[in-house]
Amino acid sequence: MTTGSAFDRASRARPAGWHEDPEDPGRQRWFDGSTWTDITRRPPGKRRASCRCC
């Protein structure tokens, strides 16, 4: 990662846990307390659009 990246700026003073993904605000990314991981998810409560048959 380069200094000043979205990840660097978003890491300052964050506890470990799920946070808005610095590269994709529509997702959450796991921060382990010192490093952003590759683990992402949709935020709870946000459902994918589905068709009437699904």
Protein backbone atom coordinates (compact mmCIF):
# COMPACT_ATOMS: atom_id res chain seq x y z
CA MET A 1 0.00 0.00 0.00
CA THR A 2 1.15 3.50 -0.64
CA THR A 3 1.13 6.27 1.93
CA GLY A 4 -2.02 8.34 1.70
CA SER A 5 -4.13 5.56 0.19
CA ALA A 6 -7.78 5.13 1.12
CA PHE A 7 -6.75 2.25 3.38
CA ASP A 8 -4.10 4.33 5.19
CA ARG A 9 -6.50 7.19 5.84
CA ALA A 10 -9.27 4.85 6.99
CA SER A 11 -7.01 2.91 9.39
CA ARG A 12 -6.22 5.70 11.79
CA ALA A 13 -7.63 5.11 15.30
CA ARG A 14 -10.03 2.30 14.33
CA PRO A 15 -10.88 -0.62 16.58
CA ALA A 16 -10.94 -4.12 15.12
CA GLY A 17 -14.24 -4.96 13.45
CA TRP A 18 -16.42 -4.38 10.39
CA HIS A 19 -16.10 -0.93 8.84
CA GLU A 20 -17.09 0.76 5.59
CA ASP A 21 -14.72 -0.50 2.90
CA PRO A 22 -12.34 2.36 2.00
CA GLU A 23 -12.33 1.24 -1.64
CA ASP A 24 -16.04 0.37 -1.95
CA PRO A 25 -18.39 2.33 0.36
CA GLY A 26 -21.26 -0.04 -0.50
CA ARG A 27 -19.48 -2.90 1.30
CA GLN A 28 -17.86 -3.51 4.67
CA ARG A 29 -14.30 -4.77 5.17
CA TRP A 30 -12.85 -6.47 8.27
CA PHE A 31 -10.14 -4.43 10.03
CA ASP A 32 -8.14 -6.56 12.48
CA GLY A 33 -6.96 -3.61 14.55
CA SER A 34 -3.81 -2.98 12.53
CA THR A 35 -4.43 -4.19 8.96
CA TRP A 36 -7.33 -4.24 6.52
CA THR A 37 -8.05 -7.82 5.45
CA ASP A 38 -9.42 -9.19 2.18
CA ILE A 39 -12.66 -10.20 3.92
CA THR A 40 -15.67 -8.14 2.79
CA ARG A 41 -19.43 -8.36 3.13
CA ARG A 42 -22.60 -6.46 2.39
CA PRO A 43 -23.66 -4.32 5.34
CA PRO A 44 -26.35 -5.96 7.50
CA GLY A 45 -29.84 -4.93 6.49
CA LYS A 46 -28.89 -4.18 2.89
CA ARG A 47 -30.55 -6.75 0.70
CA ARG A 48 -29.84 -7.46 -2.91
CA ALA A 49 -32.57 -6.61 -5.30
CA SER A 50 -34.42 -9.75 -6.26
CA CYS A 51 -37.08 -10.66 -8.72
CA ARG A 52 -40.62 -11.55 -7.63
CA CYS A 53 -39.92 -15.26 -8.07
CA CYS A 54 -36.87 -15.39 -5.77
